Protein backbone atom coordinates (compact mmCIF):
# COMPACT_ATOMS: atom_id res chain seq x y z
CA MET A 1 72.34 103.02 89.92
CA SER A 2 74.92 104.17 87.33
CA GLN A 3 77.76 106.51 88.32
CA THR A 4 77.91 110.13 87.33
CA PRO A 5 80.74 111.25 85.04
CA ARG A 6 82.53 112.74 88.11
CA GLU A 7 82.10 109.50 90.06
CA ARG A 8 83.40 107.46 87.16
CA ALA A 9 86.44 109.85 86.83
CA ARG A 10 87.17 109.48 90.56
CA THR A 11 86.95 105.70 90.36
CA GLN A 12 89.28 105.62 87.41
CA THR A 13 91.77 107.94 89.15
CA MET A 14 91.69 105.80 92.34
CA SER A 15 92.38 102.64 90.19
CA GLU A 16 95.32 104.49 88.59
CA ILE A 17 96.72 105.49 92.00
CA LEU A 18 96.51 101.88 93.19
CA THR A 19 98.30 100.63 90.09
CA ILE A 20 101.04 103.24 90.44
CA GLY A 21 101.22 102.46 94.19
CA ARG A 22 101.71 98.78 93.49
CA HIS A 23 104.41 99.57 90.97
CA HIS A 24 106.27 101.81 93.46
CA LEU A 25 105.89 99.09 96.08
CA GLU A 26 107.79 96.77 93.81
CA LEU A 27 110.48 99.33 93.09
CA HIS A 28 110.97 101.01 96.43
CA GLY A 29 109.30 98.92 99.08
CA ALA A 30 106.60 100.00 101.50
CA ALA A 31 108.85 102.33 103.43
CA GLY A 32 109.84 104.16 100.23
CA LEU A 33 106.26 105.04 99.12
CA SER A 34 105.83 108.71 98.32
CA LEU A 35 102.65 110.49 97.39
CA ARG A 36 104.68 113.04 95.48
CA ALA A 37 106.16 110.29 93.36
CA VAL A 38 102.72 108.82 92.79
CA ALA A 39 101.42 112.29 91.75
CA ARG A 40 104.35 112.66 89.32
CA ASP A 41 103.62 109.31 87.64
CA LEU A 42 99.88 110.12 87.66
CA GLY A 43 100.69 113.34 85.74
CA VAL A 44 99.27 115.78 88.30
CA VAL A 45 100.70 118.23 90.74
CA SER A 46 101.32 116.82 94.25
CA SER A 47 98.56 118.89 95.79
CA ALA A 48 96.01 117.31 93.42
CA VAL A 49 96.60 113.75 94.58
CA TYR A 50 95.68 114.72 98.13
CA ARG A 51 92.05 115.13 96.90
CA TYR A 52 92.08 111.31 96.51
CA VAL A 53 94.54 110.05 99.07
CA LYS A 54 95.22 112.18 102.13
CA SER A 55 98.55 110.75 103.24
CA ARG A 56 101.09 108.03 102.70
CA ASP A 57 99.48 105.96 105.46
CA GLU A 58 96.16 106.16 103.64
CA LEU A 59 97.88 104.89 100.49
CA LEU A 60 99.43 102.10 102.43
CA THR A 61 96.05 101.13 103.85
CA LEU A 62 94.56 101.09 100.33
CA LEU A 63 97.49 98.84 99.19
CA VAL A 64 97.11 96.54 102.24
CA VAL A 65 93.33 96.10 101.63
CA ASP A 66 93.99 95.67 97.88
CA GLY A 67 96.57 93.01 98.61
CA TYR A 68 94.52 91.10 101.15
CA ASN A 69 91.58 90.97 98.68
CA ALA A 70 93.77 89.91 95.81
CA LEU A 71 95.17 87.05 97.90
CA GLY A 72 91.65 86.19 99.17
CA ASP A 73 90.30 86.12 95.67
CA ALA A 74 93.12 83.84 94.45
CA VAL A 75 92.48 81.38 97.32
CA ASP A 76 88.78 81.49 96.94
CA ALA A 77 89.07 80.68 93.28
CA ALA A 78 91.45 77.72 93.94
CA VAL A 79 89.34 76.19 96.65
CA GLY A 80 86.12 76.88 94.68
CA ALA A 81 87.45 74.84 91.75
CA VAL A 82 87.57 71.66 93.96
CA PRO A 83 84.49 69.50 94.54
CA GLN A 84 82.84 70.49 97.91
CA ASN A 85 83.13 67.10 99.48
CA ASP A 86 86.88 66.65 98.73
CA PHE A 87 88.16 68.38 101.89
CA SER A 88 91.77 67.11 101.49
CA GLU A 89 92.02 68.57 97.98
CA GLN A 90 90.45 71.82 99.20
CA PHE A 91 93.00 72.00 101.99
CA ARG A 92 95.87 71.51 99.54
CA ALA A 93 94.39 73.98 97.11
CA TRP A 94 94.11 76.51 99.98
CA GLY A 95 97.81 76.19 100.85
CA GLY A 96 99.07 75.96 97.30
CA ALA A 97 97.15 79.11 96.25
CA ILE A 98 98.71 81.14 99.08
CA ARG A 99 102.16 80.03 98.00
CA GLN A 100 101.59 80.69 94.32
CA TRP A 101 100.20 84.18 94.96
CA ALA A 102 103.02 85.09 97.29
CA LEU A 103 105.69 84.01 94.86
CA ALA A 104 103.97 85.84 92.00
CA GLU A 105 103.46 89.01 94.15
CA PRO A 106 106.44 89.16 96.51
CA ALA A 107 106.29 92.90 97.10
CA ARG A 108 102.57 92.81 97.95
CA TYR A 109 103.02 89.72 100.07
CA GLY A 110 105.88 91.50 101.88
CA LEU A 111 103.69 94.46 102.61
CA LEU A 112 101.10 92.10 104.21
CA PHE A 113 103.31 89.60 105.98
CA GLY A 114 106.83 91.02 106.01
CA SER A 115 108.46 93.49 108.37
CA PRO A 116 106.15 96.22 109.70
CA VAL A 117 106.43 99.57 107.95
CA PRO A 118 108.07 102.05 110.42
CA GLY A 119 105.52 104.54 111.66
CA TYR A 120 102.51 102.86 110.06
CA ASP A 121 99.71 101.27 112.01
CA ALA A 122 97.07 99.53 109.84
CA PRO A 123 93.51 100.61 110.87
CA ALA A 124 91.73 97.50 112.10
CA GLU A 125 88.32 98.68 110.93
CA GLN A 126 89.52 98.72 107.30
CA THR A 127 91.91 95.79 107.31
CA THR A 128 90.61 93.11 109.66
CA GLN A 129 87.81 91.73 107.37
CA PRO A 130 89.92 91.44 104.21
CA GLY A 131 92.95 90.37 106.30
CA THR A 132 91.13 87.37 107.79
CA ARG A 133 89.51 86.12 104.56
CA VAL A 134 92.11 83.34 104.07
CA VAL A 135 92.08 81.97 107.63
CA VAL A 136 88.26 82.12 107.72
CA LEU A 137 88.17 80.02 104.56
CA LEU A 138 90.57 77.54 106.22
CA ILE A 139 88.32 77.15 109.24
CA GLN A 140 85.30 76.80 107.00
CA ILE A 141 86.96 73.86 105.27
CA LEU A 142 87.70 72.27 108.54
CA GLN A 143 84.16 73.00 109.75
CA ARG A 144 82.65 71.22 106.73
CA ALA A 145 85.00 68.30 107.15
CA TYR A 146 84.15 68.08 110.85
CA GLU A 147 80.44 68.16 110.24
CA SER A 148 80.83 65.51 107.49
CA LYS A 149 82.86 63.34 109.99
CA ALA A 150 85.77 63.48 107.65
CA LEU A 151 88.28 64.47 110.35
CA THR A 152 89.95 61.39 111.66
CA ALA A 153 92.22 62.93 114.25
CA PRO A 154 91.23 61.95 117.80
CA VAL A 155 89.32 64.53 119.77
CA LYS A 156 91.46 66.33 122.26
CA GLU A 157 90.50 68.55 125.11
CA GLY A 158 90.98 72.21 124.30
CA SER A 159 93.30 74.44 126.26
CA PRO A 160 91.33 75.98 129.19
CA PRO A 161 93.22 79.32 129.06
CA LEU A 162 92.17 79.67 125.30
CA ALA A 163 88.52 78.55 125.74
CA ALA A 164 87.28 82.14 125.98
CA ASP A 165 89.30 83.20 122.96
CA PHE A 166 87.92 80.30 120.89
CA GLU A 167 84.36 81.13 121.95
CA LEU A 168 84.77 84.73 120.78
CA ILE A 169 86.20 83.57 117.44
CA ARG A 170 83.41 81.02 117.07
CA ALA A 171 80.81 83.76 117.59
CA ASP A 172 82.56 86.12 115.23
CA MET A 173 82.84 83.58 112.47
CA GLU A 174 79.38 82.13 113.16
CA MET A 175 80.83 78.57 113.34
CA SER A 176 80.52 75.69 115.72
CA VAL A 177 83.80 73.82 115.41
CA PRO A 178 85.23 72.60 118.79
CA ASP A 179 88.24 74.04 120.37
CA HIS A 180 90.68 71.40 119.24
CA VAL A 181 89.79 72.05 115.60
CA PHE A 182 90.32 75.77 116.07
CA ALA A 183 93.67 75.04 117.72
CA SER A 184 94.85 72.76 114.88
CA GLY A 185 93.54 75.33 112.34
CA ALA A 186 95.67 78.02 114.08
CA LEU A 187 98.77 75.80 113.78
CA VAL A 188 98.08 75.15 110.07
CA TRP A 189 97.65 78.96 109.52
CA VAL A 190 100.96 79.96 111.11
CA SER A 191 102.81 76.91 109.65
CA VAL A 192 101.74 77.58 106.06
CA PHE A 193 102.54 81.30 106.24
CA GLY A 194 105.79 80.53 108.01
CA ALA A 195 106.78 78.16 105.20
CA VAL A 196 105.73 80.62 102.52
CA ASN A 197 107.64 83.46 104.29
CA PHE A 198 110.83 81.33 104.31
CA GLU A 199 110.51 80.74 100.58
CA VAL A 200 109.51 84.23 99.53
CA PHE A 201 112.13 85.97 101.64
CA GLY A 202 114.92 83.49 100.87
CA GLN A 203 115.33 82.15 104.40
CA TYR A 204 116.04 78.62 103.27
CA GLY A 205 119.12 79.77 101.42
CA THR A 206 119.87 79.32 97.73
CA SER A 207 120.89 75.66 97.70
CA THR A 208 119.40 73.96 100.75
CA PHE A 209 116.39 72.45 99.01
CA SER A 210 116.50 71.58 95.32
CA ASP A 211 112.71 71.27 94.88
CA PRO A 212 110.82 73.86 96.96
CA ILE A 213 107.51 72.72 95.50
CA ALA A 214 108.10 69.17 96.81
CA LEU A 215 109.13 70.60 100.24
CA PHE A 216 105.94 72.69 100.49
CA GLU A 217 103.73 69.72 99.42
CA SER A 218 105.38 67.63 102.10
CA HIS A 219 104.58 70.29 104.65
CA MET A 220 100.93 70.33 103.52
CA LYS A 221 100.78 66.47 103.79
CA LEU A 222 102.07 66.58 107.36
CA LEU A 223 99.46 69.29 108.24
CA GLU A 224 96.72 67.22 106.64
CA GLU A 225 97.64 64.39 108.93
CA LEU A 226 97.77 66.71 111.87
CA VAL A 227 94.15 67.90 111.42
CA GLY A 228 93.04 64.41 110.48
CA LEU A 229 92.17 64.88 106.81
CA ARG A 230 94.40 61.97 105.68
């Protein structure tokens, strides 16, 4: 069903608010976001913007969801361009797309994975699904590789204290991978984002590594071996 003129105008205004919000995020950081400043750049009085976004926290949530989906779309596209039975290449595409998006969008990446914004608590009902897209895709790659017997790492017993957690995750994701695959997937998840964080936020220093791409690719190769894809 087509939108009414009022609905189209609202959609357009919300898009403009998000665009301005992303720009302000780059200029001032998440803690410096201001609805008054957004209203000024939108060309309306500050009271008018509250008809669309009720608070700074609501704007932050919109930007968080927008960022998660932008990252998810980029990773989906990269993995989707790889043949379905090439699990190693899918794995590398997954990690490489995260890094590329983060370096291209450091302010948005910082909002998602940097220091928490003082006084802001992201609502789980709005952010969990988009926020888990990337890790769900990783587990799906490992699930397909496991089902195709393409994982060569020896099967290891899961950690009994985590068995209940893994079972809940399995049910939520509607997957059947065993505990040891979930455990290795969790290590890949935190390792890749840890490496990306170090690069995006300059934690390696300016002259420690002359070729950051080669460094990241070496990390991905080690992680491939860990999960048994190589």
